[in-house]
Amino acid sequence: MTTENSQRPSVVVVGGGYAGVNVAKALDDVADVTLVDPKNAFVHNVAAWRALVEPEWLDRIFFPYDRLLAHGTFLRDRAVAVDGRHVTLASGRELAADYVVLASGSSYPFPAKSDEPDTETARARYRDAHEALLAAGRVLLIGAGPSGLELAGEIKAFFPDKHVTVADVSPDILAGPYDQTLRDELRRQLDELGVELQLGSPLTALPAAAPATLAPVAITTEAGDELTADVWYRAFGVTPHTEYLRGALSDARDDRGYVRVDEHLRVIGQDGVFAVGDIADADRDMAGIAGMQAKAVTGTIRNLITGEGEPVAWAAFPPFIAVPLGPEGGAGLLPGHDGVAGAAVIAEVKGRDMMVDNFAGLFDAEPATTR
């Protein structure tokens, strides 16, 4: 809480993903911000597939948290219990704040996301996965959502001679609230790249080999098709990180583990506690949406601190998405763009630089106090 020695309200941000780093940075000038995350660096997961196929990108996707805040504090620790505005860390330390922003994000299978807390260990794991991919002639991707399609495009763009198969139980690619014309365009480009699609029939079992490792894979679909590969990747399975919530905060979770929030992204029934990004039930799990929710919440908290405005309402975005298929391919639905955005547009907005430069400017502070 605000102390006698400080006129600045306190904010604890739990989680340093896309939403968390933007909230912490935006409030650093008006509040005593404490950012809590078990990793020592932010990982730009949007570019993780690029780092898999081209390891030089590993130097561009890790951003040390101690370069984020000019005034606030980064604590390398893990929240193990959050009840209202009280946060208990794995170290035993307890934090109390005027505002708590829950931004703990979600887990997703490696290499799309890494759960390694140490940057060098994570880098080494990506390099090992790259070597496994290099040695593979046939690649199997299970999941035809955005992640699986992007990986298929990356592999074929950098290693056109590899045979890539994308399998999914759905009858078409890219399940979700997207116009069919987008799916048709992506399928056209995937066909040009030589990507094989196996859709509409469940697998009898997942491969016994660990994902992203070099090992013989042979599985079948219920329709009787046999799929073989030298390496496979799991491109499905988002799990929100909300297991640490206690009391009324735990009760605010829905049956999938997402946190129910109101129109201002406040946790239902809570005062001064917000949930943003992948853990909130307000919108889809996307890095861009997490960043926009961060802006809404920081706007609300700034207005509460300064008394100069009203809480900022969140309105769910219409379906939009950018799906690169390598640096120069892909398609999407973008705000302000009529119809399907083609390869040239997607390459410009995402595919070539994978939005890395957006974060170089965010992590530009002189080292803050790190404990």
Protein backbone atom coordinates (compact mmCIF):
# COMPACT_ATOMS: atom_id res chain seq x y z
CA MET A 1 0.00 0.00 0.00
CA THR A 2 1.02 3.64 -0.21
CA THR A 3 3.40 4.40 2.66
CA GLU A 4 4.00 7.53 4.70
CA ASN A 5 7.36 7.92 2.97
CA SER A 6 5.88 7.82 -0.52
CA GLN A 7 3.21 9.83 -2.26
CA ARG A 8 3.15 7.38 -5.12
CA PRO A 9 0.60 4.54 -5.05
CA SER A 10 2.01 1.04 -5.31
CA VAL A 11 1.34 -1.36 -8.17
CA VAL A 12 2.35 -5.02 -8.26
CA VAL A 13 2.34 -6.62 -11.70
CA VAL A 14 2.31 -10.41 -11.57
CA GLY A 15 3.89 -11.73 -14.75
CA GLY A 16 6.23 -10.19 -17.31
CA GLY A 17 4.68 -11.25 -20.59
CA TYR A 18 3.25 -9.00 -23.30
CA ALA A 19 0.64 -7.46 -21.03
CA GLY A 20 2.75 -7.29 -17.90
CA VAL A 21 5.76 -5.48 -19.33
CA ASN A 22 3.55 -2.88 -20.99
CA VAL A 23 1.60 -2.25 -17.79
CA ALA A 24 4.77 -1.93 -15.70
CA LYS A 25 6.46 0.39 -18.19
CA ALA A 26 3.43 2.64 -18.64
CA LEU A 27 2.92 3.15 -14.89
CA ASP A 28 6.58 3.56 -13.97
CA ASP A 29 6.34 7.36 -13.91
CA VAL A 30 3.25 7.64 -11.68
CA ALA A 31 3.46 4.68 -9.30
CA ASP A 32 5.88 2.55 -7.32
CA VAL A 33 5.83 -0.43 -9.66
CA THR A 34 7.03 -3.91 -8.76
CA LEU A 35 7.17 -6.43 -11.59
CA VAL A 36 7.34 -10.09 -10.54
CA ASP A 37 8.44 -12.88 -12.88
CA PRO A 38 10.49 -16.08 -12.39
CA LYS A 39 12.47 -15.50 -15.59
CA ASN A 40 15.36 -13.08 -15.90
CA ALA A 41 14.27 -11.83 -19.33
CA PHE A 42 11.15 -11.18 -21.35
CA VAL A 43 10.84 -13.59 -24.27
CA HIS A 44 9.35 -12.27 -27.49
CA ASN A 45 7.42 -15.46 -28.23
CA VAL A 46 5.99 -14.07 -31.46
CA ALA A 47 9.43 -14.65 -33.00
CA ALA A 48 10.10 -18.04 -31.38
CA TRP A 49 9.47 -20.03 -34.57
CA ARG A 50 11.92 -17.79 -36.43
CA ALA A 51 14.54 -18.47 -33.77
CA LEU A 52 13.95 -22.20 -34.21
CA VAL A 53 14.72 -22.14 -37.94
CA GLU A 54 17.37 -19.38 -37.74
CA PRO A 55 19.14 -19.41 -34.33
CA GLU A 56 20.74 -16.01 -34.95
CA TRP A 57 17.35 -14.66 -33.88
CA LEU A 58 18.01 -15.88 -30.34
CA ASP A 59 20.05 -12.71 -29.87
CA ARG A 60 16.95 -10.65 -30.68
CA ILE A 61 14.10 -12.23 -28.71
CA PHE A 62 15.34 -12.09 -25.10
CA PHE A 63 15.10 -8.73 -23.30
CA PRO A 64 16.43 -8.50 -19.70
CA TYR A 65 13.81 -7.24 -17.28
CA ASP A 66 16.34 -5.00 -15.55
CA ARG A 67 16.26 -2.76 -18.64
CA LEU A 68 12.51 -2.16 -18.43
CA LEU A 69 11.92 0.19 -15.48
CA ALA A 70 13.63 3.48 -14.69
CA HIS A 71 12.06 3.86 -11.24
CA GLY A 72 10.34 0.63 -10.32
CA THR A 73 11.66 -2.73 -9.18
CA PHE A 74 11.93 -6.07 -10.89
CA LEU A 75 11.76 -9.10 -8.59
CA ARG A 76 12.89 -12.39 -10.05
CA ASP A 77 10.46 -14.52 -8.11
CA ARG A 78 7.25 -16.46 -8.57
CA ALA A 79 3.84 -15.58 -7.17
CA VAL A 80 2.53 -18.64 -5.29
CA ALA A 81 -0.55 -17.06 -3.72
CA VAL A 82 -2.48 -13.92 -4.58
CA ASP A 83 -5.52 -13.08 -2.48
CA GLY A 84 -6.98 -9.67 -3.21
CA ARG A 85 -4.18 -7.11 -3.18
CA HIS A 86 -1.81 -9.32 -1.22
CA VAL A 87 0.87 -11.27 -3.11
CA THR A 88 2.97 -14.06 -1.60
CA LEU A 89 6.13 -15.07 -3.47
CA ALA A 90 7.98 -18.39 -3.60
CA SER A 91 10.83 -16.78 -1.65
CA GLY A 92 8.43 -16.14 1.24
CA ARG A 93 8.32 -12.43 0.63
CA GLU A 94 4.90 -10.79 0.86
CA LEU A 95 3.78 -7.74 -1.09
CA ALA A 96 0.76 -5.51 -0.52
CA ALA A 97 -0.27 -2.95 -3.09
CA ASP A 98 -2.84 -0.32 -3.92
CA TYR A 99 -3.31 -2.01 -7.30
CA VAL A 100 -2.51 -5.54 -8.46
CA VAL A 101 -2.42 -6.43 -12.14
CA LEU A 102 -2.56 -10.14 -12.87
CA ALA A 103 -0.66 -10.76 -16.11
CA SER A 104 0.77 -14.24 -15.63
CA GLY A 105 -0.06 -15.36 -19.16
CA SER A 106 -0.28 -18.92 -20.36
CA SER A 107 1.82 -21.94 -21.15
CA TYR A 108 2.10 -23.39 -24.65
CA PRO A 109 4.24 -26.24 -25.94
CA PHE A 110 7.89 -25.57 -26.74
CA PRO A 111 9.31 -24.13 -29.01
CA ALA A 112 6.41 -21.66 -29.40
CA LYS A 113 7.01 -20.82 -25.73
CA SER A 114 9.83 -21.74 -23.39
CA ASP A 115 9.26 -22.42 -19.70
CA GLU A 116 12.97 -22.22 -18.86
CA PRO A 117 13.53 -19.47 -16.24
CA ASP A 118 17.17 -18.93 -17.21
CA THR A 119 17.93 -17.23 -20.52
CA GLU A 120 21.07 -19.20 -21.35
CA THR A 121 19.32 -22.49 -20.63
CA ALA A 122 16.45 -21.45 -22.88
CA ARG A 123 18.86 -20.46 -25.66
CA ALA A 124 20.58 -23.83 -25.43
CA ARG A 125 17.28 -25.65 -25.68
CA TYR A 126 16.36 -23.71 -28.83
CA ARG A 127 19.75 -24.52 -30.36
CA ASP A 128 19.25 -28.22 -29.62
CA ALA A 129 15.79 -28.07 -31.21
CA HIS A 130 17.29 -26.36 -34.26
CA GLU A 131 19.85 -29.13 -34.66
CA ALA A 132 17.08 -31.73 -34.46
CA LEU A 133 15.14 -29.89 -37.16
CA LEU A 134 18.23 -29.64 -39.38
CA ALA A 135 18.68 -33.41 -39.26
CA ALA A 136 15.04 -34.19 -40.02
CA GLY A 137 13.82 -34.88 -43.52
CA ARG A 138 10.14 -35.18 -42.60
CA VAL A 139 8.34 -32.93 -40.11
CA LEU A 140 4.92 -33.44 -38.52
CA LEU A 141 3.00 -30.53 -37.00
CA ILE A 142 -0.08 -31.42 -34.96
CA GLY A 143 -2.42 -28.45 -34.88
CA ALA A 144 -3.59 -26.33 -37.81
CA GLY A 145 -4.17 -23.12 -35.88
CA PRO A 146 -2.07 -19.96 -36.28
CA SER A 147 0.95 -21.46 -34.50
CA GLY A 148 1.05 -24.64 -36.56
CA LEU A 149 0.57 -22.77 -39.83
CA GLU A 150 3.29 -20.25 -38.99
CA LEU A 151 5.74 -23.02 -38.15
CA ALA A 152 4.93 -24.84 -41.39
CA GLY A 153 5.63 -21.64 -43.32
CA GLU A 154 8.87 -20.99 -41.46
CA ILE A 155 10.22 -24.47 -42.08
CA LYS A 156 9.35 -24.46 -45.78
CA ALA A 157 10.73 -20.94 -46.25
CA PHE A 158 14.11 -21.82 -44.74
CA PHE A 159 14.26 -25.53 -45.64
CA PRO A 160 12.15 -25.99 -48.77
CA ASP A 161 13.31 -29.59 -49.30
CA LYS A 162 11.86 -30.84 -46.01
CA HIS A 163 8.51 -32.61 -46.17
CA VAL A 164 6.06 -30.89 -43.81
CA THR A 165 2.69 -32.34 -42.78
CA VAL A 166 0.11 -30.44 -40.74
CA ALA A 167 -2.52 -32.61 -39.05
CA ASP A 168 -5.68 -31.50 -37.26
CA VAL A 169 -9.00 -33.03 -36.23
CA SER A 170 -10.83 -30.01 -37.65
CA PRO A 171 -12.02 -30.22 -41.26
CA ASP A 172 -10.25 -26.97 -42.16
CA ILE A 173 -7.31 -24.88 -41.01
CA LEU A 174 -7.47 -21.89 -38.65
CA ALA A 175 -10.51 -22.64 -36.53
CA GLY A 176 -12.11 -19.52 -35.10
CA PRO A 177 -14.13 -16.46 -36.06
CA TYR A 178 -12.32 -15.81 -39.33
CA ASP A 179 -13.66 -15.31 -42.83
CA GLN A 180 -13.35 -18.34 -45.09
CA THR A 181 -11.54 -16.27 -47.68
CA LEU A 182 -8.59 -16.05 -45.27
CA ARG A 183 -8.44 -19.83 -44.91
CA ASP A 184 -8.65 -20.22 -48.67
CA GLU A 185 -5.73 -17.85 -49.23
CA LEU A 186 -3.58 -19.52 -46.58
CA ARG A 187 -4.34 -22.95 -48.03
CA ARG A 188 -3.40 -21.71 -51.47
CA GLN A 189 -0.01 -20.51 -50.21
CA LEU A 190 0.56 -23.67 -48.16
CA ASP A 191 -0.10 -25.72 -51.28
CA GLU A 192 2.43 -23.64 -53.23
CA LEU A 193 4.98 -24.26 -50.48
CA GLY A 194 4.33 -28.00 -50.69
CA VAL A 195 2.83 -28.39 -47.20
CA GLU A 196 0.69 -31.51 -46.84
CA LEU A 197 -2.57 -31.10 -44.90
CA GLN A 198 -4.17 -34.03 -43.07
CA LEU A 199 -7.44 -32.67 -41.76
CA GLY A 200 -10.75 -33.90 -40.41
CA SER A 201 -9.77 -37.12 -38.65
CA PRO A 202 -8.52 -37.56 -35.07
CA LEU A 203 -5.18 -39.21 -34.39
CA THR A 204 -5.35 -42.57 -32.67
CA ALA A 205 -2.60 -41.34 -30.32
CA LEU A 206 0.06 -38.68 -30.07
CA PRO A 207 3.62 -39.69 -30.94
CA ALA A 208 5.51 -41.46 -28.17
CA ALA A 209 8.67 -39.43 -28.86
CA ALA A 210 9.12 -36.08 -27.15
CA PRO A 211 8.23 -33.08 -29.35
CA ALA A 212 11.03 -31.09 -30.99
CA THR A 213 13.50 -33.98 -30.68
CA LEU A 214 14.94 -36.16 -33.43
CA ALA A 215 13.19 -39.53 -33.25
CA PRO A 216 11.19 -41.78 -35.61
CA VAL A 217 7.48 -40.93 -35.58
CA ALA A 218 4.75 -43.16 -37.02
CA ILE A 219 1.13 -42.58 -36.08
CA THR A 220 -2.23 -43.12 -37.72
CA THR A 221 -5.48 -41.23 -37.99
CA GLU A 222 -8.83 -42.83 -37.25
CA ALA A 223 -9.45 -42.64 -40.99
CA GLY A 224 -6.53 -45.03 -41.47
CA ASP A 225 -3.87 -42.66 -42.82
CA GLU A 226 -0.34 -43.23 -41.56
CA LEU A 227 1.78 -40.18 -40.78
CA THR A 228 5.54 -40.56 -40.50
CA ALA A 229 8.21 -38.04 -39.55
CA ASP A 230 11.65 -37.58 -38.03
CA VAL A 231 10.54 -34.81 -35.67
CA TRP A 232 7.16 -33.53 -34.57
CA TYR A 233 5.80 -30.42 -32.89
CA ARG A 234 2.73 -29.93 -30.77
CA ALA A 235 0.95 -26.78 -31.94
CA PHE A 236 -2.06 -26.80 -29.64
CA GLY A 237 -2.80 -26.64 -25.94
CA VAL A 238 -2.99 -23.21 -24.25
CA THR A 239 -3.14 -23.34 -20.43
CA PRO A 240 -3.74 -20.10 -18.49
CA HIS A 241 -1.48 -19.60 -15.45
CA THR A 242 -4.01 -18.90 -12.70
CA GLU A 243 -3.26 -21.74 -10.29
CA TYR A 244 -1.79 -19.33 -7.71
CA LEU A 245 -5.04 -17.41 -7.14
CA ARG A 246 -6.63 -17.79 -3.72
CA GLY A 247 -9.87 -16.87 -1.99
CA ALA A 248 -12.27 -14.71 -3.98
CA LEU A 249 -9.75 -14.47 -6.81
CA SER A 250 -9.81 -18.22 -7.22
CA ASP A 251 -13.60 -18.12 -7.22
CA ALA A 252 -13.45 -15.62 -10.12
CA ARG A 253 -12.00 -18.27 -12.45
CA ASP A 254 -14.22 -20.00 -14.95
CA ASP A 255 -14.19 -23.75 -15.60
CA ARG A 256 -11.28 -23.36 -18.06
CA GLY A 257 -9.11 -21.48 -15.57
CA TYR A 258 -9.58 -18.03 -17.11
CA VAL A 259 -10.28 -15.05 -14.84
CA ARG A 260 -13.65 -13.40 -15.25
CA VAL A 261 -13.35 -9.63 -15.60
CA ASP A 262 -15.76 -6.73 -15.98
CA GLU A 263 -15.86 -4.12 -18.74
CA HIS A 264 -12.86 -2.36 -17.20
CA LEU A 265 -10.80 -5.58 -16.94
CA ARG A 266 -11.22 -5.61 -13.17
CA VAL A 267 -11.53 -9.04 -11.66
CA ILE A 268 -15.18 -9.69 -10.89
CA GLY A 269 -15.98 -8.67 -7.33
CA GLN A 270 -12.54 -7.15 -6.67
CA ASP A 271 -11.42 -3.60 -5.96
CA GLY A 272 -8.04 -2.62 -7.36
CA VAL A 273 -7.28 -6.00 -8.93
CA PHE A 274 -7.14 -6.34 -12.73
CA ALA A 275 -6.49 -9.27 -15.07
CA VAL A 276 -5.09 -8.83 -18.56
CA GLY A 277 -3.77 -10.87 -21.43
CA ASP A 278 -4.08 -14.62 -21.81
CA ILE A 279 -5.57 -15.22 -18.36
CA ALA A 280 -8.54 -12.85 -18.77
CA ASP A 281 -11.81 -14.03 -20.30
CA ALA A 282 -12.32 -10.70 -22.08
CA ASP A 283 -10.96 -11.61 -25.52
CA ARG A 284 -8.81 -14.01 -27.54
CA ASP A 285 -5.33 -15.15 -26.48
CA MET A 286 -3.13 -13.02 -28.71
CA ALA A 287 -0.02 -10.94 -28.02
CA GLY A 288 -1.51 -7.90 -29.76
CA ILE A 289 -4.68 -8.06 -27.68
CA ALA A 290 -2.62 -8.44 -24.50
CA GLY A 291 -0.78 -5.23 -25.39
CA MET A 292 -4.01 -3.35 -26.05
CA GLN A 293 -5.51 -4.57 -22.78
CA ALA A 294 -2.41 -3.30 -21.02
CA LYS A 295 -3.10 0.16 -22.44
CA ALA A 296 -6.70 0.04 -21.21
CA VAL A 297 -5.74 -1.01 -17.68
CA THR A 298 -2.90 1.48 -17.38
CA GLY A 299 -5.27 4.18 -18.58
CA THR A 300 -7.73 3.22 -15.84
CA ILE A 301 -5.08 3.08 -13.11
CA ARG A 302 -3.52 6.38 -14.17
CA ASN A 303 -6.94 8.01 -14.08
CA LEU A 304 -7.61 6.59 -10.62
CA ILE A 305 -4.23 7.84 -9.40
CA THR A 306 -4.52 11.33 -10.88
CA GLY A 307 -8.29 11.69 -10.49
CA GLU A 308 -8.37 13.15 -14.00
CA GLY A 309 -10.57 10.67 -15.83
CA GLU A 310 -12.89 7.72 -15.78
CA PRO A 311 -12.04 4.00 -15.95
CA VAL A 312 -11.26 2.90 -19.49
CA ALA A 313 -13.73 0.40 -20.91
CA TRP A 314 -12.55 -2.61 -22.88
CA ALA A 315 -14.37 -3.59 -26.05
CA ALA A 316 -13.57 -6.94 -27.65
CA PHE A 317 -11.80 -6.63 -30.98
CA PRO A 318 -13.40 -7.89 -34.16
CA PRO A 319 -11.60 -10.92 -35.61
CA PHE A 320 -8.16 -9.87 -36.80
CA ILE A 321 -5.00 -11.87 -37.26
CA ALA A 322 -1.70 -11.88 -39.14
CA VAL A 323 -0.36 -15.32 -40.09
CA PRO A 324 3.09 -15.14 -41.69
CA LEU A 325 4.22 -18.11 -43.76
CA GLY A 326 7.91 -17.34 -43.64
CA PRO A 327 9.40 -13.83 -44.02
CA GLU A 328 7.67 -13.09 -47.33
CA GLY A 329 4.43 -15.09 -47.21
CA GLY A 330 1.19 -15.28 -45.30
CA ALA A 331 -2.20 -13.61 -45.05
CA GLY A 332 -4.41 -12.00 -42.47
CA LEU A 333 -7.34 -9.84 -41.48
CA LEU A 334 -6.16 -6.43 -40.27
CA PRO A 335 -7.94 -3.39 -38.81
CA GLY A 336 -8.55 -0.78 -41.49
CA HIS A 337 -7.77 -3.20 -44.30
CA ASP A 338 -10.62 -4.33 -46.54
CA GLY A 339 -10.72 -8.05 -47.19
CA VAL A 340 -7.79 -10.40 -46.81
CA ALA A 341 -4.35 -8.81 -46.40
CA GLY A 342 -1.97 -10.67 -48.68
CA ALA A 343 1.63 -11.78 -48.42
CA ALA A 344 3.19 -8.37 -49.12
CA VAL A 345 1.22 -6.66 -46.36
CA ILE A 346 1.80 -9.42 -43.79
CA ALA A 347 5.52 -9.46 -44.59
CA GLU A 348 5.67 -5.74 -43.94
CA VAL A 349 3.71 -5.68 -40.68
CA LYS A 350 5.04 -8.91 -39.16
CA GLY A 351 6.76 -11.51 -41.29
CA ARG A 352 10.12 -9.86 -41.97
CA ASP A 353 11.00 -8.48 -38.54
CA MET A 354 8.49 -10.41 -36.38
CA MET A 355 7.85 -7.13 -34.52
CA VAL A 356 11.18 -7.34 -32.70
CA ASP A 357 11.87 -3.62 -33.06
CA ASN A 358 8.71 -2.82 -31.09
CA PHE A 359 10.37 -4.19 -27.97
CA ALA A 360 13.85 -2.83 -28.41
CA GLY A 361 12.46 0.60 -27.55
CA LEU A 362 10.48 -0.72 -24.57
CA PHE A 363 13.54 -2.13 -22.83
CA ASP A 364 15.63 1.03 -22.91
CA ALA A 365 15.77 2.08 -19.25
CA GLU A 366 18.85 2.36 -17.15
CA PRO A 367 19.05 -0.73 -14.90
CA ALA A 368 16.49 -0.53 -12.11
CA THR A 369 16.92 -2.01 -8.67
CA THR A 370 16.83 -5.80 -9.06
CA ARG A 371 16.36 -8.08 -6.08
